[in-house]
């Protein structure tokens, strides 16, 4: 996946649909979000859209903020004022670019102005929301990390999140390994890890925030070298922590991989508890 182009967008995919099809689209959005995809879905944006000029805001989203736009074609979609506005904004973007942007997904054979009958589409009539989400993820070029490659401390503990209605997703995005904590379709915590320290060496960089990482950034809040700890007789992280765990910038400490995973887990639990309260 060409990460330079991919990372410039606030959203991986924007979903345009009629209210009559909301339950299906909500299931798609939740499935995508649980797998680390950045989704524009109106229910996720209620606070952000409150008080905005929605005509201008939605035009900006559908014309420039997402890598792809999935249009859920139906008879209801063709008759709505707001979906027409979203479609026209997406088509404006499609006219500017030479690669596909609009991804039609059809509930029926309704024709939409400007959407050619020769455009490839996904037929939803025999497709579940989870199946569609997998197709979208393949289109994005994102790959989920197999369970066998998930750090054991996180794998063992992640099942405990189910009682809180949350889930942990770990996947590859370009050169980065990404961890996302998701609850009720919302990303509560994000952690990206990649090789190449701040001086361009073979160390590790970390960037973690509460919520979703909306745009690509080379910002980091911790970096580490891999060193041999004679006392522990093992390879450890020589961690320089700016704000990942609240250390002062001048502080360094050696942490085993298990210790690091435990500290990440403690931050995840803190975020879940805060969200529940």
C-alpha atoms as a PDB file:
ATOM      1  CA  UNK A   1       0.000   0.000   0.000  1.00  0.00           C
ATOM      2  CA  UNK A   2       1.452   3.409  -0.877  1.00  0.00           C
ATOM      3  CA  UNK A   3       1.484   4.882   2.599  1.00  0.00           C
ATOM      4  CA  UNK A   4       2.508   8.401   1.546  1.00  0.00           C
ATOM      5  CA  UNK A   5      -0.713   8.837  -0.419  1.00  0.00           C
ATOM      6  CA  UNK A   6      -2.752   6.832   2.039  1.00  0.00           C
ATOM      7  CA  UNK A   7      -1.743   8.783   5.122  1.00  0.00           C
ATOM      8  CA  UNK A   8      -2.778  12.230   3.890  1.00  0.00           C
ATOM      9  CA  UNK A   9      -6.492  11.637   4.585  1.00  0.00           C
ATOM     10  CA  UNK A  10      -8.415  12.138   7.810  1.00  0.00           C
ATOM     11  CA  UNK A  11     -10.535   9.068   7.005  1.00  0.00           C
ATOM     12  CA  UNK A  12      -9.825   5.817   5.222  1.00  0.00           C
ATOM     13  CA  UNK A  13     -13.404   5.649   3.992  1.00  0.00           C
ATOM     14  CA  UNK A  14     -16.497   7.869   4.076  1.00  0.00           C
ATOM     15  CA  UNK A  15     -19.896   6.144   4.064  1.00  0.00           C
ATOM     16  CA  UNK A  16     -22.798   7.779   2.203  1.00  0.00           C
ATOM     17  CA  UNK A  17     -26.214   6.196   2.712  1.00  0.00           C
ATOM     18  CA  UNK A  18     -29.931   6.775   3.206  1.00  0.00           C
ATOM     19  CA  UNK A  19     -31.436   6.629   6.678  1.00  0.00           C
ATOM     20  CA  UNK A  20     -33.558   3.648   5.657  1.00  0.00           C
ATOM     21  CA  UNK A  21     -30.334   1.637   5.251  1.00  0.00           C
ATOM     22  CA  UNK A  22     -28.764   2.809   8.511  1.00  0.00           C
ATOM     23  CA  UNK A  23     -28.816  -0.491  10.412  1.00  0.00           C
ATOM     24  CA  UNK A  24     -26.808  -2.288   7.710  1.00  0.00           C
ATOM     25  CA  UNK A  25     -24.362   0.597   7.312  1.00  0.00           C
ATOM     26  CA  UNK A  26     -23.942   0.939  11.083  1.00  0.00           C
ATOM     27  CA  UNK A  27     -22.883  -2.718  11.256  1.00  0.00           C
ATOM     28  CA  UNK A  28     -20.366  -2.101   8.460  1.00  0.00           C
ATOM     29  CA  UNK A  29     -18.992   0.995  10.214  1.00  0.00           C
ATOM     30  CA  UNK A  30     -18.655  -0.830  13.541  1.00  0.00           C
ATOM     31  CA  UNK A  31     -16.918  -3.772  11.893  1.00  0.00           C
ATOM     32  CA  UNK A  32     -14.474  -1.497  10.080  1.00  0.00           C
ATOM     33  CA  UNK A  33     -13.733   0.589  13.170  1.00  0.00           C
ATOM     34  CA  UNK A  34     -13.079  -2.517  15.273  1.00  0.00           C
ATOM     35  CA  UNK A  35     -10.364  -3.422  12.755  1.00  0.00           C
ATOM     36  CA  UNK A  36      -8.660  -0.048  12.892  1.00  0.00           C
ATOM     37  CA  UNK A  37     -10.191   1.587   9.826  1.00  0.00           C
ATOM     38  CA  UNK A  38     -10.824   5.332  10.115  1.00  0.00           C
ATOM     39  CA  UNK A  39     -14.471   5.718   9.109  1.00  0.00           C
ATOM     40  CA  UNK A  40     -16.622   8.755   8.502  1.00  0.00           C
ATOM     41  CA  UNK A  41     -20.033   7.654   9.755  1.00  0.00           C
ATOM     42  CA  UNK A  42     -22.399  10.349  10.963  1.00  0.00           C
ATOM     43  CA  UNK A  43     -23.135   8.699  14.328  1.00  0.00           C
ATOM     44  CA  UNK A  44     -19.430   8.881  15.185  1.00  0.00           C
ATOM     45  CA  UNK A  45     -19.306  12.596  14.412  1.00  0.00           C
ATOM     46  CA  UNK A  46     -22.235  13.997  16.391  1.00  0.00           C
ATOM     47  CA  UNK A  47     -20.105  16.120  18.705  1.00  0.00           C
ATOM     48  CA  UNK A  48     -17.832  17.338  15.924  1.00  0.00           C
ATOM     49  CA  UNK A  49     -20.772  18.265  13.666  1.00  0.00           C
ATOM     50  CA  UNK A  50     -22.775  20.004  16.410  1.00  0.00           C
ATOM     51  CA  UNK A  51     -23.180  23.670  15.432  1.00  0.00           C
ATOM     52  CA  UNK A  52     -21.321  23.369  12.127  1.00  0.00           C
ATOM     53  CA  UNK A  53     -22.570  24.400   8.719  1.00  0.00           C
ATOM     54  CA  UNK A  54     -23.306  20.845   7.611  1.00  0.00           C
ATOM     55  CA  UNK A  55     -23.618  21.764   3.947  1.00  0.00           C
ATOM     56  CA  UNK A  56     -20.027  23.001   3.886  1.00  0.00           C
ATOM     57  CA  UNK A  57     -18.710  20.376   6.299  1.00  0.00           C
ATOM     58  CA  UNK A  58     -20.142  17.385   4.432  1.00  0.00           C
ATOM     59  CA  UNK A  59     -18.939  18.790   1.125  1.00  0.00           C
ATOM     60  CA  UNK A  60     -15.407  18.957   2.541  1.00  0.00           C
ATOM     61  CA  UNK A  61     -15.588  15.415   3.935  1.00  0.00           C
ATOM     62  CA  UNK A  62     -16.893  13.769   0.773  1.00  0.00           C
ATOM     63  CA  UNK A  63     -14.769  15.797  -1.636  1.00  0.00           C
ATOM     64  CA  UNK A  64     -11.389  15.756   0.107  1.00  0.00           C
ATOM     65  CA  UNK A  65     -11.172  14.101   3.541  1.00  0.00           C
ATOM     66  CA  UNK A  66     -11.344  10.359   2.742  1.00  0.00           C
ATOM     67  CA  UNK A  67      -9.297   7.950   0.651  1.00  0.00           C
ATOM     68  CA  UNK A  68     -12.479   6.282  -0.631  1.00  0.00           C
ATOM     69  CA  UNK A  69     -16.208   6.963  -0.530  1.00  0.00           C
ATOM     70  CA  UNK A  70     -18.609   4.016  -0.363  1.00  0.00           C
ATOM     71  CA  UNK A  71     -22.024   4.965  -1.728  1.00  0.00           C
ATOM     72  CA  UNK A  72     -24.804   2.619  -0.603  1.00  0.00           C
ATOM     73  CA  UNK A  73     -27.101   2.759  -3.615  1.00  0.00           C
ATOM     74  CA  UNK A  74     -30.828   2.250  -3.027  1.00  0.00           C
ATOM     75  CA  UNK A  75     -34.147   3.719  -4.072  1.00  0.00           C
ATOM     76  CA  UNK A  76     -34.243   5.689  -0.826  1.00  0.00           C
ATOM     77  CA  UNK A  77     -30.748   7.041  -1.491  1.00  0.00           C
ATOM     78  CA  UNK A  78     -31.794   8.458  -4.857  1.00  0.00           C
ATOM     79  CA  UNK A  79     -34.630  10.477  -3.309  1.00  0.00           C
ATOM     80  CA  UNK A  80     -32.807  12.217  -0.424  1.00  0.00           C
ATOM     81  CA  UNK A  81     -31.566  15.813  -0.491  1.00  0.00           C
ATOM     82  CA  UNK A  82     -28.559  15.191   1.740  1.00  0.00           C
ATOM     83  CA  UNK A  83     -27.421  12.023  -0.023  1.00  0.00           C
ATOM     84  CA  UNK A  84     -27.617  13.918  -3.326  1.00  0.00           C
ATOM     85  CA  UNK A  85     -25.343  16.569  -1.829  1.00  0.00           C
ATOM     86  CA  UNK A  86     -22.886  13.921  -0.601  1.00  0.00           C
ATOM     87  CA  UNK A  87     -22.914  12.148  -3.962  1.00  0.00           C
ATOM     88  CA  UNK A  88     -22.254  15.367  -5.904  1.00  0.00           C
ATOM     89  CA  UNK A  89     -19.387  16.243  -3.565  1.00  0.00           C
ATOM     90  CA  UNK A  90     -17.872  12.771  -4.060  1.00  0.00           C
ATOM     91  CA  UNK A  91     -18.316  13.005  -7.834  1.00  0.00           C
ATOM     92  CA  UNK A  92     -16.546  16.365  -7.832  1.00  0.00           C
ATOM     93  CA  UNK A  93     -13.542  14.628  -6.271  1.00  0.00           C
ATOM     94  CA  UNK A  94     -13.790  11.702  -8.713  1.00  0.00           C
ATOM     95  CA  UNK A  95     -13.618  14.121 -11.659  1.00  0.00           C
ATOM     96  CA  UNK A  96     -10.395  15.627 -10.323  1.00  0.00           C
ATOM     97  CA  UNK A  97      -8.565  12.337  -9.916  1.00  0.00           C
ATOM     98  CA  UNK A  98      -7.613   9.560 -12.290  1.00  0.00           C
ATOM     99  CA  UNK A  99      -8.065   6.621  -9.937  1.00  0.00           C
ATOM    100  CA  UNK A 100     -11.226   5.207  -8.439  1.00  0.00           C
ATOM    101  CA  UNK A 101     -12.653   7.081  -5.465  1.00  0.00           C
ATOM    102  CA  UNK A 102     -16.375   6.248  -5.426  1.00  0.00           C
ATOM    103  CA  UNK A 103     -17.042   2.609  -4.504  1.00  0.00           C
ATOM    104  CA  UNK A 104     -20.712   1.752  -5.204  1.00  0.00           C
ATOM    105  CA  UNK A 105     -22.411  -0.883  -3.048  1.00  0.00           C
ATOM    106  CA  UNK A 106     -25.903  -1.724  -4.253  1.00  0.00           C
ATOM    107  CA  UNK A 107     -29.011  -2.726  -2.331  1.00  0.00           C
ATOM    108  CA  UNK A 108     -30.946  -2.627  -5.625  1.00  0.00           C
ATOM    109  CA  UNK A 109     -30.692  -1.567  -9.281  1.00  0.00           C
ATOM    110  CA  UNK A 110     -31.499   2.128  -8.744  1.00  0.00           C
ATOM    111  CA  UNK A 111     -29.706   4.427 -11.184  1.00  0.00           C
ATOM    112  CA  UNK A 112     -27.902   7.484  -9.855  1.00  0.00           C
ATOM    113  CA  UNK A 113     -27.038  10.528 -11.987  1.00  0.00           C
ATOM    114  CA  UNK A 114     -23.363  10.533 -12.932  1.00  0.00           C
ATOM    115  CA  UNK A 115     -22.769   6.947 -11.808  1.00  0.00           C
ATOM    116  CA  UNK A 116     -22.123   4.949 -14.960  1.00  0.00           C
ATOM    117  CA  UNK A 117     -23.663   1.516 -15.337  1.00  0.00           C
ATOM    118  CA  UNK A 118     -20.214   0.229 -16.299  1.00  0.00           C
ATOM    119  CA  UNK A 119     -18.734   1.161 -12.900  1.00  0.00           C
ATOM    120  CA  UNK A 120     -17.815  -1.913 -10.893  1.00  0.00           C
ATOM    121  CA  UNK A 121     -19.952  -2.353  -7.772  1.00  0.00           C
ATOM    122  CA  UNK A 122     -20.589  -4.713  -4.860  1.00  0.00           C
ATOM    123  CA  UNK A 123     -24.002  -6.401  -4.703  1.00  0.00           C
ATOM    124  CA  UNK A 124     -25.232  -6.273  -1.101  1.00  0.00           C
ATOM    125  CA  UNK A 125     -28.284  -8.467  -1.522  1.00  0.00           C
ATOM    126  CA  UNK A 126     -26.407 -11.594  -0.441  1.00  0.00           C
ATOM    127  CA  UNK A 127     -23.603  -9.980   1.515  1.00  0.00           C
ATOM    128  CA  UNK A 128     -23.397  -9.474   5.278  1.00  0.00           C
ATOM    129  CA  UNK A 129     -21.960  -6.271   6.787  1.00  0.00           C
ATOM    130  CA  UNK A 130     -18.902  -8.199   8.021  1.00  0.00           C
ATOM    131  CA  UNK A 131     -18.288  -9.578   4.537  1.00  0.00           C
ATOM    132  CA  UNK A 132     -18.491  -6.105   3.035  1.00  0.00           C
ATOM    133  CA  UNK A 133     -16.105  -4.716   5.665  1.00  0.00           C
ATOM    134  CA  UNK A 134     -13.536  -7.378   4.721  1.00  0.00           C
ATOM    135  CA  UNK A 135     -13.803  -6.338   1.061  1.00  0.00           C
ATOM    136  CA  UNK A 136     -13.320  -2.675   2.001  1.00  0.00           C
ATOM    137  CA  UNK A 137     -10.259  -3.541   4.088  1.00  0.00           C
ATOM    138  CA  UNK A 138      -8.754  -5.406   1.129  1.00  0.00           C
ATOM    139  CA  UNK A 139      -9.404  -2.358  -1.050  1.00  0.00           C
ATOM    140  CA  UNK A 140      -7.596  -0.182   1.482  1.00  0.00           C
ATOM    141  CA  UNK A 141      -4.628  -2.534   1.414  1.00  0.00           C
ATOM    142  CA  UNK A 142      -4.665  -2.901   5.175  1.00  0.00           C
ATOM    143  CA  UNK A 143      -3.665  -6.235   6.679  1.00  0.00           C
ATOM    144  CA  UNK A 144      -4.711  -7.624  10.017  1.00  0.00           C
ATOM    145  CA  UNK A 145      -1.967  -9.179  12.127  1.00  0.00           C
ATOM    146  CA  UNK A 146      -2.466 -12.875  12.731  1.00  0.00           C
ATOM    147  CA  UNK A 147      -3.110 -13.900  16.331  1.00  0.00           C
ATOM    148  CA  UNK A 148       0.174 -15.789  16.380  1.00  0.00           C
ATOM    149  CA  UNK A 149       2.049 -12.491  15.978  1.00  0.00           C
ATOM    150  CA  UNK A 150       0.180 -10.587  18.688  1.00  0.00           C
ATOM    151  CA  UNK A 151       2.309 -10.067  21.841  1.00  0.00           C
ATOM    152  CA  UNK A 152       1.286 -12.731  24.324  1.00  0.00           C
ATOM    153  CA  UNK A 153       0.621 -10.364  27.273  1.00  0.00           C
ATOM    154  CA  UNK A 154      -1.830  -8.320  25.175  1.00  0.00           C
ATOM    155  CA  UNK A 155      -3.449 -11.406  23.651  1.00  0.00           C
ATOM    156  CA  UNK A 156      -4.092 -12.947  27.070  1.00  0.00           C
ATOM    157  CA  UNK A 157      -5.597  -9.777  28.510  1.00  0.00           C
ATOM    158  CA  UNK A 158      -7.600  -8.507  25.551  1.00  0.00           C
ATOM    159  CA  UNK A 159     -10.422 -10.995  26.201  1.00  0.00           C
ATOM    160  CA  UNK A 160     -11.086  -9.181  29.480  1.00  0.00           C
ATOM    161  CA  UNK A 161     -12.224  -6.150  27.505  1.00  0.00           C
ATOM    162  CA  UNK A 162     -15.322  -7.976  26.275  1.00  0.00           C
ATOM    163  CA  UNK A 163     -17.136  -7.470  29.574  1.00  0.00           C
ATOM    164  CA  UNK A 164     -16.741  -3.716  29.040  1.00  0.00           C
ATOM    165  CA  UNK A 165     -18.025  -3.965  25.468  1.00  0.00           C
ATOM    166  CA  UNK A 166     -14.577  -3.105  24.092  1.00  0.00           C
ATOM    167  CA  UNK A 167     -12.140  -4.859  21.788  1.00  0.00           C
ATOM    168  CA  UNK A 168      -8.472  -4.595  20.861  1.00  0.00           C
ATOM    169  CA  UNK A 169      -7.374  -4.662  17.223  1.00  0.00           C
ATOM    170  CA  UNK A 170      -3.772  -5.011  16.038  1.00  0.00           C
ATOM    171  CA  UNK A 171      -2.948  -4.575  12.353  1.00  0.00           C
ATOM    172  CA  UNK A 172      -0.361  -3.373   9.855  1.00  0.00           C
ATOM    173  CA  UNK A 173      -0.709  -0.036   8.097  1.00  0.00           C
ATOM    174  CA  UNK A 174       2.174   0.566   5.752  1.00  0.00           C
ATOM    175  CA  UNK A 175       5.366   0.312   7.809  1.00  0.00           C
ATOM    176  CA  UNK A 176       3.553   0.803  11.099  1.00  0.00           C
ATOM    177  CA  UNK A 177       2.107  -1.707  13.539  1.00  0.00           C
ATOM    178  CA  UNK A 178      -1.112  -0.241  14.919  1.00  0.00           C
ATOM    179  CA  UNK A 179      -3.058  -0.991  18.085  1.00  0.00           C
ATOM    180  CA  UNK A 180      -6.618   0.310  18.444  1.00  0.00           C
ATOM    181  CA  UNK A 181      -8.978   0.088  21.404  1.00  0.00           C
ATOM    182  CA  UNK A 182     -12.579   0.269  20.179  1.00  0.00           C
ATOM    183  CA  UNK A 183     -15.869   0.476  22.055  1.00  0.00           C
ATOM    184  CA  UNK A 184     -19.336   1.002  20.559  1.00  0.00           C
ATOM    185  CA  UNK A 185     -17.818   1.952  17.216  1.00  0.00           C
ATOM    186  CA  UNK A 186     -15.524   4.599  18.746  1.00  0.00           C
ATOM    187  CA  UNK A 187     -11.748   4.406  18.903  1.00  0.00           C
ATOM    188  CA  UNK A 188     -10.770   5.133  22.515  1.00  0.00           C
ATOM    189  CA  UNK A 189      -7.014   4.653  22.257  1.00  0.00           C
ATOM    190  CA  UNK A 190      -4.470   4.449  19.435  1.00  0.00           C
ATOM    191  CA  UNK A 191      -0.851   3.317  19.424  1.00  0.00           C
ATOM    192  CA  UNK A 192       1.412   3.226  16.357  1.00  0.00           C
ATOM    193  CA  UNK A 193       4.838   1.571  16.436  1.00  0.00           C
ATOM    194  CA  UNK A 194       7.465   1.657  13.697  1.00  0.00           C
ATOM    195  CA  UNK A 195      11.185   1.114  13.236  1.00  0.00           C
ATOM    196  CA  UNK A 196      13.643   3.925  12.720  1.00  0.00           C
ATOM    197  CA  UNK A 197      14.408   6.013  15.790  1.00  0.00           C
ATOM    198  CA  UNK A 198      14.411   9.781  15.888  1.00  0.00           C
ATOM    199  CA  UNK A 199      17.949   9.818  14.542  1.00  0.00           C
ATOM    200  CA  UNK A 200      17.115   7.418  11.710  1.00  0.00           C
ATOM    201  CA  UNK A 201      18.615   4.403  13.441  1.00  0.00           C
ATOM    202  CA  UNK A 202      17.163   0.926  13.892  1.00  0.00           C
ATOM    203  CA  UNK A 203      15.319   1.789  17.085  1.00  0.00           C
ATOM    204  CA  UNK A 204      11.564   1.945  17.639  1.00  0.00           C
ATOM    205  CA  UNK A 205       9.245   4.950  17.590  1.00  0.00           C
ATOM    206  CA  UNK A 206       5.931   5.135  19.447  1.00  0.00           C
ATOM    207  CA  UNK A 207       2.997   7.483  19.057  1.00  0.00           C
ATOM    208  CA  UNK A 208      -0.040   7.020  21.299  1.00  0.00           C
ATOM    209  CA  UNK A 209      -3.077   9.189  21.958  1.00  0.00           C
ATOM    210  CA  UNK A 210      -6.542   8.840  23.395  1.00  0.00           C
ATOM    211  CA  UNK A 211      -8.979   8.563  20.474  1.00  0.00           C
ATOM    212  CA  UNK A 212      -8.097   7.983  16.827  1.00  0.00           C
ATOM    213  CA  UNK A 213      -5.015   9.234  15.016  1.00  0.00           C
ATOM    214  CA  UNK A 214      -6.867  11.198  12.349  1.00  0.00           C
ATOM    215  CA  UNK A 215      -3.965  12.254  10.167  1.00  0.00           C
ATOM    216  CA  UNK A 216      -0.564  10.799   9.458  1.00  0.00           C
ATOM    217  CA  UNK A 217       2.095  12.316  11.624  1.00  0.00           C
ATOM    218  CA  UNK A 218       5.786  11.798  12.275  1.00  0.00           C
ATOM    219  CA  UNK A 219       5.179  12.973  15.834  1.00  0.00           C
ATOM    220  CA  UNK A 220       6.331  10.608  18.542  1.00  0.00           C
ATOM    221  CA  UNK A 221       5.897  10.506  22.304  1.00  0.00           C
ATOM    222  CA  UNK A 222       8.489   7.811  22.992  1.00  0.00           C
ATOM    223  CA  UNK A 223      11.378   6.096  21.278  1.00  0.00           C
ATOM    224  CA  UNK A 224      13.556   3.186  22.259  1.00  0.00           C
ATOM    225  CA  UNK A 225      16.783   1.422  21.442  1.00  0.00           C
ATOM    226  CA  UNK A 226      17.117  -2.338  21.665  1.00  0.00           C
ATOM    227  CA  UNK A 227      19.989  -3.134  24.037  1.00  0.00           C
ATOM    228  CA  UNK A 228      21.362  -6.106  25.956  1.00  0.00           C
ATOM    229  CA  UNK A 229      20.638  -5.874  29.683  1.00  0.00           C
ATOM    230  CA  UNK A 230      23.372  -7.777  31.505  1.00  0.00           C
ATOM    231  CA  UNK A 231      21.406  -7.872  34.755  1.00  0.00           C
ATOM    232  CA  UNK A 232      18.304  -9.372  33.113  1.00  0.00           C
ATOM    233  CA  UNK A 233      20.353 -11.298  30.563  1.00  0.00           C
ATOM    234  CA  UNK A 234      17.910 -10.376  27.851  1.00  0.00           C
ATOM    235  CA  UNK A 235      17.244  -7.824  25.105  1.00  0.00           C
ATOM    236  CA  UNK A 236      15.274  -4.877  26.530  1.00  0.00           C
ATOM    237  CA  UNK A 237      13.959  -1.500  25.455  1.00  0.00           C
ATOM    238  CA  UNK A 238      16.032   1.510  26.475  1.00  0.00           C
ATOM    239  CA  UNK A 239      13.006   3.790  26.551  1.00  0.00           C
ATOM    240  CA  UNK A 240      13.069   7.563  26.167  1.00  0.00           C
ATOM    241  CA  UNK A 241       9.565   8.559  27.204  1.00  0.00           C
ATOM    242  CA  UNK A 242       8.233  12.041  26.450  1.00  0.00           C
ATOM    243  CA  UNK A 243       4.542  11.456  27.236  1.00  0.00           C
ATOM    244  CA  UNK A 244       3.680   7.827  26.509  1.00  0.00           C
ATOM    245  CA  UNK A 245       3.705   6.908  30.193  1.00  0.00           C
ATOM    246  CA  UNK A 246       4.103  10.389  31.636  1.00  0.00           C
ATOM    247  CA  UNK A 247       7.872  10.359  32.107  1.00  0.00           C
ATOM    248  CA  UNK A 248       9.951  13.499  31.876  1.00  0.00           C
ATOM    249  CA  UNK A 249      11.836  13.893  28.577  1.00  0.00           C
ATOM    250  CA  UNK A 250      15.188  13.522  30.345  1.00  0.00           C
ATOM    251  CA  UNK A 251      14.236  10.183  31.878  1.00  0.00           C
ATOM    252  CA  UNK A 252      15.454   6.905  30.454  1.00  0.00           C
ATOM    253  CA  UNK A 253      14.711   3.447  31.711  1.00  0.00           C
ATOM    254  CA  UNK A 254      15.176  -0.108  30.594  1.00  0.00           C
ATOM    255  CA  UNK A 255      11.995  -2.126  30.147  1.00  0.00           C
ATOM    256  CA  UNK A 256      11.462  -5.714  29.085  1.00  0.00           C
ATOM    257  CA  UNK A 257       8.930  -6.329  26.353  1.00  0.00           C
ATOM    258  CA  UNK A 258       6.542  -7.815  28.920  1.00  0.00           C
ATOM    259  CA  UNK A 259       6.929  -4.751  31.158  1.00  0.00           C
ATOM    260  CA  UNK A 260       6.221  -2.487  28.205  1.00  0.00           C
ATOM    261  CA  UNK A 261       3.100  -4.478  27.280  1.00  0.00           C
ATOM    262  CA  UNK A 262       1.935  -4.273  30.906  1.00  0.00           C
ATOM    263  CA  UNK A 263       2.290  -0.486  30.933  1.00  0.00           C
ATOM    264  CA  UNK A 264       0.346  -0.235  27.672  1.00  0.00           C
ATOM    265  CA  UNK A 265      -2.326  -2.481  29.166  1.00  0.00           C
ATOM    266  CA  UNK A 266      -2.576  -0.242  32.253  1.00  0.00           C
ATOM    267  CA  UNK A 267      -3.157   2.760  30.002  1.00  0.00           C
ATOM    268  CA  UNK A 268      -5.819   0.834  28.046  1.00  0.00           C
ATOM    269  CA  UNK A 269      -7.637  -0.093  31.271  1.00  0.00           C
ATOM    270  CA  UNK A 270      -7.485   3.533  32.425  1.00  0.00           C
ATOM    271  CA  UNK A 271      -9.026   4.725  29.149  1.00  0.00           C
ATOM    272  CA  UNK A 272     -11.826   2.108  29.311  1.00  0.00           C
ATOM    273  CA  UNK A 273     -12.640   2.966  32.929  1.00  0.00           C
ATOM    274  CA  UNK A 274     -12.747   6.669  32.139  1.00  0.00           C
ATOM    275  CA  UNK A 275     -15.062   6.067  29.193  1.00  0.00           C
ATOM    276  CA  UNK A 276     -17.422   3.905  31.263  1.00  0.00           C
ATOM    277  CA  UNK A 277     -17.690   6.627  33.896  1.00  0.00           C
END
